[in-house]
Amino acid sequence: VIVVSGETGCGKTTQLPQYILESEIDAARGATCNIICTQPRRISAMAVSERVAAERGEKLGES
């Protein structure tokens, strides 16, 4: 378990998980990698998931 703390907008939720995932994919462990980010509000969680899916060129819920 890793807890990350930082300023608002620094990429804790949108960028860091993608870096971790890419590292796991490169190590052939992407299919078994679980990354969990918490958000205090449902609306924030939905917006973040849509943004990350768009940044990765994927459809929400299909990866």
N, C-alpha and C. Protein backbone atom coordinates (compact mmCIF):
# COMPACT_ATOMS: atom_id res chain seq x y z
N VAL A 1 0.85 -1.17 0.00
CA VAL A 1 0.00 0.00 0.00
C VAL A 1 0.89 1.23 0.00
N ILE A 2 0.56 2.17 -0.88
CA ILE A 2 1.28 3.43 -0.95
C ILE A 2 0.28 4.56 -0.79
N VAL A 3 0.56 5.51 0.08
CA VAL A 3 -0.26 6.70 0.26
C VAL A 3 0.51 7.87 -0.31
N VAL A 4 -0.14 8.62 -1.21
CA VAL A 4 0.51 9.76 -1.87
C VAL A 4 -0.18 11.04 -1.42
N SER A 5 0.60 12.03 -1.07
CA SER A 5 0.08 13.32 -0.65
C SER A 5 0.72 14.40 -1.51
N GLY A 6 -0.08 15.37 -1.96
CA GLY A 6 0.47 16.45 -2.76
C GLY A 6 -0.56 17.53 -2.99
N GLU A 7 -0.13 18.60 -3.60
CA GLU A 7 -1.01 19.73 -3.89
C GLU A 7 -2.11 19.35 -4.87
N THR A 8 -3.21 20.08 -4.82
CA THR A 8 -4.30 19.89 -5.77
C THR A 8 -3.78 20.10 -7.19
N GLY A 9 -4.12 19.17 -8.07
CA GLY A 9 -3.75 19.31 -9.48
C GLY A 9 -2.36 18.84 -9.83
N CYS A 10 -1.66 18.19 -8.91
CA CYS A 10 -0.27 17.78 -9.20
C CYS A 10 -0.19 16.44 -9.93
N GLY A 11 -1.31 15.74 -10.11
CA GLY A 11 -1.31 14.48 -10.85
C GLY A 11 -1.37 13.23 -10.00
N LYS A 12 -1.66 13.38 -8.71
CA LYS A 12 -1.73 12.22 -7.82
C LYS A 12 -2.73 11.18 -8.33
N THR A 13 -3.86 11.64 -8.79
CA THR A 13 -4.94 10.74 -9.19
C THR A 13 -4.90 10.40 -10.67
N THR A 14 -4.49 11.33 -11.52
CA THR A 14 -4.56 11.09 -12.96
C THR A 14 -3.26 10.63 -13.59
N GLN A 15 -2.13 11.09 -13.10
CA GLN A 15 -0.86 10.77 -13.75
C GLN A 15 -0.10 9.64 -13.08
N LEU A 16 0.05 9.70 -11.77
CA LEU A 16 0.83 8.68 -11.05
C LEU A 16 0.31 7.26 -11.30
N PRO A 17 -1.00 7.02 -11.23
CA PRO A 17 -1.48 5.67 -11.52
C PRO A 17 -1.14 5.20 -12.94
N GLN A 18 -1.14 6.11 -13.89
CA GLN A 18 -0.80 5.73 -15.26
C GLN A 18 0.68 5.36 -15.37
N TYR A 19 1.54 6.07 -14.66
CA TYR A 19 2.97 5.72 -14.65
C TYR A 19 3.18 4.32 -14.05
N ILE A 20 2.47 4.05 -12.97
CA ILE A 20 2.58 2.74 -12.34
C ILE A 20 2.08 1.65 -13.29
N LEU A 21 0.94 1.89 -13.92
CA LEU A 21 0.39 0.90 -14.85
C LEU A 21 1.34 0.64 -16.01
N GLU A 22 1.90 1.70 -16.59
CA GLU A 22 2.83 1.52 -17.71
C GLU A 22 4.05 0.70 -17.28
N SER A 23 4.53 0.94 -16.07
CA SER A 23 5.65 0.17 -15.55
C SER A 23 5.28 -1.31 -15.41
N GLU A 24 4.09 -1.58 -14.93
CA GLU A 24 3.63 -2.96 -14.79
C GLU A 24 3.41 -3.62 -16.15
N ILE A 25 2.90 -2.88 -17.11
CA ILE A 25 2.73 -3.41 -18.46
C ILE A 25 4.09 -3.76 -19.06
N ASP A 26 5.05 -2.87 -18.90
CA ASP A 26 6.41 -3.12 -19.41
C ASP A 26 7.04 -4.36 -18.77
N ALA A 27 6.66 -4.65 -17.53
CA ALA A 27 7.19 -5.82 -16.82
C ALA A 27 6.31 -7.05 -17.02
N ALA A 28 5.36 -6.98 -17.96
CA ALA A 28 4.44 -8.08 -18.27
C ALA A 28 3.55 -8.45 -17.08
N ARG A 29 3.22 -7.45 -16.25
CA ARG A 29 2.34 -7.69 -15.11
C ARG A 29 1.09 -6.82 -15.16
N GLY A 30 0.84 -6.19 -16.31
CA GLY A 30 -0.29 -5.27 -16.42
C GLY A 30 -1.63 -5.90 -16.16
N ALA A 31 -1.82 -7.15 -16.58
CA ALA A 31 -3.11 -7.83 -16.42
C ALA A 31 -3.42 -8.14 -14.96
N THR A 32 -2.41 -8.19 -14.12
CA THR A 32 -2.64 -8.53 -12.71
C THR A 32 -2.46 -7.32 -11.78
N CYS A 33 -2.21 -6.17 -12.35
CA CYS A 33 -1.99 -4.95 -11.57
C CYS A 33 -3.32 -4.34 -11.13
N ASN A 34 -3.45 -4.02 -9.86
CA ASN A 34 -4.63 -3.35 -9.33
C ASN A 34 -4.21 -2.01 -8.75
N ILE A 35 -4.80 -0.93 -9.28
CA ILE A 35 -4.51 0.41 -8.79
C ILE A 35 -5.83 1.00 -8.31
N ILE A 36 -5.85 1.47 -7.09
CA ILE A 36 -7.08 2.00 -6.51
C ILE A 36 -6.82 3.43 -6.04
N CYS A 37 -7.69 4.34 -6.48
CA CYS A 37 -7.63 5.74 -6.04
C CYS A 37 -8.97 6.08 -5.42
N THR A 38 -8.95 6.77 -4.31
CA THR A 38 -10.20 7.16 -3.67
C THR A 38 -10.50 8.62 -3.96
N GLN A 39 -11.78 8.94 -4.02
CA GLN A 39 -12.24 10.31 -4.22
C GLN A 39 -13.35 10.57 -3.20
N PRO A 40 -13.42 11.77 -2.64
CA PRO A 40 -14.42 12.04 -1.61
C PRO A 40 -15.85 12.18 -2.16
N ARG A 41 -16.00 12.42 -3.45
CA ARG A 41 -17.33 12.59 -4.03
C ARG A 41 -17.46 11.76 -5.30
N ARG A 42 -18.65 11.23 -5.53
CA ARG A 42 -18.89 10.40 -6.71
C ARG A 42 -18.67 11.18 -8.00
N ILE A 43 -19.10 12.43 -8.03
CA ILE A 43 -18.95 13.23 -9.25
C ILE A 43 -17.47 13.38 -9.60
N SER A 44 -16.62 13.56 -8.59
CA SER A 44 -15.17 13.67 -8.83
C SER A 44 -14.63 12.36 -9.38
N ALA A 45 -15.07 11.25 -8.82
CA ALA A 45 -14.60 9.94 -9.27
C ALA A 45 -14.97 9.70 -10.73
N MET A 46 -16.17 10.07 -11.13
CA MET A 46 -16.60 9.88 -12.51
C MET A 46 -15.78 10.77 -13.45
N ALA A 47 -15.58 12.01 -13.08
CA ALA A 47 -14.81 12.93 -13.93
C ALA A 47 -13.37 12.45 -14.09
N VAL A 48 -12.77 11.98 -13.02
CA VAL A 48 -11.39 11.49 -13.08
C VAL A 48 -11.30 10.26 -13.97
N SER A 49 -12.23 9.33 -13.82
CA SER A 49 -12.17 8.10 -14.62
C SER A 49 -12.35 8.41 -16.10
N GLU A 50 -13.23 9.35 -16.43
CA GLU A 50 -13.42 9.75 -17.82
C GLU A 50 -12.16 10.40 -18.37
N ARG A 51 -11.53 11.24 -17.58
CA ARG A 51 -10.31 11.92 -18.04
C ARG A 51 -9.17 10.94 -18.29
N VAL A 52 -8.96 10.02 -17.36
CA VAL A 52 -7.86 9.06 -17.51
C VAL A 52 -8.12 8.15 -18.71
N ALA A 53 -9.35 7.70 -18.88
CA ALA A 53 -9.67 6.86 -20.05
C ALA A 53 -9.38 7.63 -21.34
N ALA A 54 -9.75 8.89 -21.40
CA ALA A 54 -9.50 9.71 -22.59
C ALA A 54 -8.00 9.88 -22.82
N GLU A 55 -7.24 10.13 -21.76
CA GLU A 55 -5.79 10.30 -21.90
C GLU A 55 -5.13 9.03 -22.42
N ARG A 56 -5.69 7.87 -22.06
CA ARG A 56 -5.12 6.60 -22.49
C ARG A 56 -5.70 6.13 -23.82
N GLY A 57 -6.63 6.90 -24.39
CA GLY A 57 -7.24 6.52 -25.66
C GLY A 57 -8.11 5.29 -25.54
N GLU A 58 -8.75 5.12 -24.39
CA GLU A 58 -9.59 3.97 -24.12
C GLU A 58 -11.01 4.41 -23.83
N LYS A 59 -11.93 3.47 -23.91
CA LYS A 59 -13.31 3.75 -23.55
C LYS A 59 -13.49 3.41 -22.07
N LEU A 60 -14.24 4.23 -21.39
CA LEU A 60 -14.47 4.05 -19.96
C LEU A 60 -15.11 2.68 -19.70
N GLY A 61 -14.51 1.95 -18.78
CA GLY A 61 -15.04 0.65 -18.39
C GLY A 61 -14.66 -0.52 -19.27
N GLU A 62 -13.81 -0.29 -20.27
CA GLU A 62 -13.43 -1.36 -21.18
C GLU A 62 -11.96 -1.72 -21.11
N SER A 63 -11.30 -1.35 -20.07
CA SER A 63 -9.87 -1.70 -19.96
C SER A 63 -9.56 -2.26 -18.60
